[in-house]
Every structure is written in C-alpha cells, then in structure tokens.
Amino acid sequence: MNLPEDTIIGAAKLTNYLLQWRAENDKSQFLAQAGYTGADANRLAEDIRHQLLPLECEFVETTEYGKSTASAAY
C-alpha cells in the first residue's frame, strides 16, 4: 500500500518517541547521527513526508503513538 501525501505525522510521535532518548527501543541516537534533534521535529516530518511516504509500505502495529508501518525498502 502507499500512504497518501496528506498522511498525518503525529508531533508527539516525533518529539516524544523518535527524537527523545528512551531506555528501551531508542531511536533518537540513530536519528542524531543523521543530524536530527528534538529541535528538528518539523524537518524530520518533512523528510519523512518527501522521502518515505512515496515508498510502498505495510501496516505493522498500533502503539500508544499511533499506527506504525514499515517500508518495503526498509
């Protein structure tokens, strides 16, 4: 499936999950290597929108932060 261009990218998922250090399943340090910090949530959202949303993906699970998908290219 492809996600629509106007897919909502939740601000809380970016700032409280992807860009904030977590003791378990941390993603912030990986994203920091690409230059993303908590102050870059808007840039990360735009990069996801332009680089990842056009890719084919599939539904993976629903978490406290919303629905998660994985790209076939991932």
C-alpha atoms as a PDB file:
ATOM      1  CA  MET A   1       0.000   0.000   0.000  1.00  0.00           C
ATOM      2  CA  ASN A   2       1.009   3.622  -0.416  1.00  0.00           C
ATOM      3  CA  LEU A   3       0.260   6.265   2.168  1.00  0.00           C
ATOM      4  CA  PRO A   4      -1.389   9.477   0.956  1.00  0.00           C
ATOM      5  CA  GLU A   5       0.631  12.689   0.723  1.00  0.00           C
ATOM      6  CA  ASP A   6      -1.524  14.262   3.446  1.00  0.00           C
ATOM      7  CA  THR A   7      -0.840  11.468   5.950  1.00  0.00           C
ATOM      8  CA  ILE A   8      -0.756  12.860   9.481  1.00  0.00           C
ATOM      9  CA  ILE A   9       2.660  12.574  11.081  1.00  0.00           C
ATOM     10  CA  GLY A  10       1.984  12.975  14.786  1.00  0.00           C
ATOM     11  CA  ALA A  11       4.124  15.591  16.506  1.00  0.00           C
ATOM     12  CA  ALA A  12       4.106  13.545  19.732  1.00  0.00           C
ATOM     13  CA  LYS A  13       5.464  10.507  17.900  1.00  0.00           C
ATOM     14  CA  LEU A  14       8.330  12.603  16.566  1.00  0.00           C
ATOM     15  CA  THR A  15       9.221  14.506  19.711  1.00  0.00           C
ATOM     16  CA  ASN A  16       8.286  12.000  22.454  1.00  0.00           C
ATOM     17  CA  TYR A  17       9.254   8.773  20.691  1.00  0.00           C
ATOM     18  CA  LEU A  18      11.664   9.202  17.787  1.00  0.00           C
ATOM     19  CA  LEU A  19      13.717  12.190  18.951  1.00  0.00           C
ATOM     20  CA  GLN A  20      13.700  11.670  22.720  1.00  0.00           C
ATOM     21  CA  TRP A  21      16.124   9.214  24.317  1.00  0.00           C
ATOM     22  CA  ARG A  22      14.390   6.122  25.661  1.00  0.00           C
ATOM     23  CA  ALA A  23      15.910   3.363  27.785  1.00  0.00           C
ATOM     24  CA  GLU A  24      14.205   0.766  25.576  1.00  0.00           C
ATOM     25  CA  ASN A  25      13.921   0.798  21.764  1.00  0.00           C
ATOM     26  CA  ASP A  26      15.739   4.123  21.491  1.00  0.00           C
ATOM     27  CA  LYS A  27      15.734   5.669  18.021  1.00  0.00           C
ATOM     28  CA  SER A  28      16.984   9.140  18.932  1.00  0.00           C
ATOM     29  CA  GLN A  29      20.679   8.280  18.776  1.00  0.00           C
ATOM     30  CA  PHE A  30      20.304   6.771  15.307  1.00  0.00           C
ATOM     31  CA  LEU A  31      18.436   9.875  14.108  1.00  0.00           C
ATOM     32  CA  ALA A  32      21.038  12.119  15.788  1.00  0.00           C
ATOM     33  CA  GLN A  33      23.664  10.558  13.515  1.00  0.00           C
ATOM     34  CA  ALA A  34      21.662  11.971  10.604  1.00  0.00           C
ATOM     35  CA  GLY A  35      21.541  15.377  12.300  1.00  0.00           C
ATOM     36  CA  TYR A  36      18.041  15.263  13.812  1.00  0.00           C
ATOM     37  CA  THR A  37      17.458  16.522  17.348  1.00  0.00           C
ATOM     38  CA  GLY A  38      14.361  17.419  19.336  1.00  0.00           C
ATOM     39  CA  ALA A  39      14.550  20.878  17.786  1.00  0.00           C
ATOM     40  CA  ASP A  40      14.342  19.326  14.292  1.00  0.00           C
ATOM     41  CA  ALA A  41      10.943  17.637  14.555  1.00  0.00           C
ATOM     42  CA  ASN A  42       9.490  19.713  11.700  1.00  0.00           C
ATOM     43  CA  ARG A  43      12.436  18.939   9.409  1.00  0.00           C
ATOM     44  CA  LEU A  44      12.163  15.239  10.253  1.00  0.00           C
ATOM     45  CA  ALA A  45       8.426  15.312   9.457  1.00  0.00           C
ATOM     46  CA  GLU A  46       9.093  16.950   6.084  1.00  0.00           C
ATOM     47  CA  ASP A  47      11.875  14.499   5.268  1.00  0.00           C
ATOM     48  CA  ILE A  48       9.590  11.567   6.141  1.00  0.00           C
ATOM     49  CA  ARG A  49       6.835  13.077   4.008  1.00  0.00           C
ATOM     50  CA  HIS A  50       9.075  13.551   0.948  1.00  0.00           C
ATOM     51  CA  GLN A  51      11.412  10.573   1.230  1.00  0.00           C
ATOM     52  CA  LEU A  52       9.439   7.788   2.902  1.00  0.00           C
ATOM     53  CA  LEU A  53       5.739   8.324   2.213  1.00  0.00           C
ATOM     54  CA  PRO A  54       6.136   7.737  -1.547  1.00  0.00           C
ATOM     55  CA  LEU A  55       7.529   4.223  -0.843  1.00  0.00           C
ATOM     56  CA  GLU A  56       5.427   1.068  -0.740  1.00  0.00           C
ATOM     57  CA  CYS A  57       4.684   0.063   2.876  1.00  0.00           C
ATOM     58  CA  GLU A  58       2.659  -2.291   5.034  1.00  0.00           C
ATOM     59  CA  PHE A  59       0.846  -1.925   8.374  1.00  0.00           C
ATOM     60  CA  VAL A  60       2.845  -3.329  11.299  1.00  0.00           C
ATOM     61  CA  GLU A  61       1.116  -2.444  14.582  1.00  0.00           C
ATOM     62  CA  THR A  62      -0.740   0.155  16.618  1.00  0.00           C
ATOM     63  CA  THR A  63       1.160   1.634  19.566  1.00  0.00           C
ATOM     64  CA  GLU A  64       0.441   4.355  22.091  1.00  0.00           C
ATOM     65  CA  TYR A  65       1.796   6.781  19.459  1.00  0.00           C
ATOM     66  CA  GLY A  66      -0.455   5.605  16.619  1.00  0.00           C
ATOM     67  CA  LYS A  67      -0.297   3.171  13.723  1.00  0.00           C
ATOM     68  CA  SER A  68       3.129   2.025  12.588  1.00  0.00           C
ATOM     69  CA  THR A  69       4.103   0.960   9.104  1.00  0.00           C
ATOM     70  CA  ALA A  70       7.263  -0.408   7.566  1.00  0.00           C
ATOM     71  CA  SER A  71       8.527   0.392   4.106  1.00  0.00           C
ATOM     72  CA  ALA A  72       9.289  -2.445   1.732  1.00  0.00           C
ATOM     73  CA  ALA A  73      12.594  -0.681   1.112  1.00  0.00           C
ATOM     74  CA  TYR A  74      13.270  -0.673   4.873  1.00  0.00           C
END
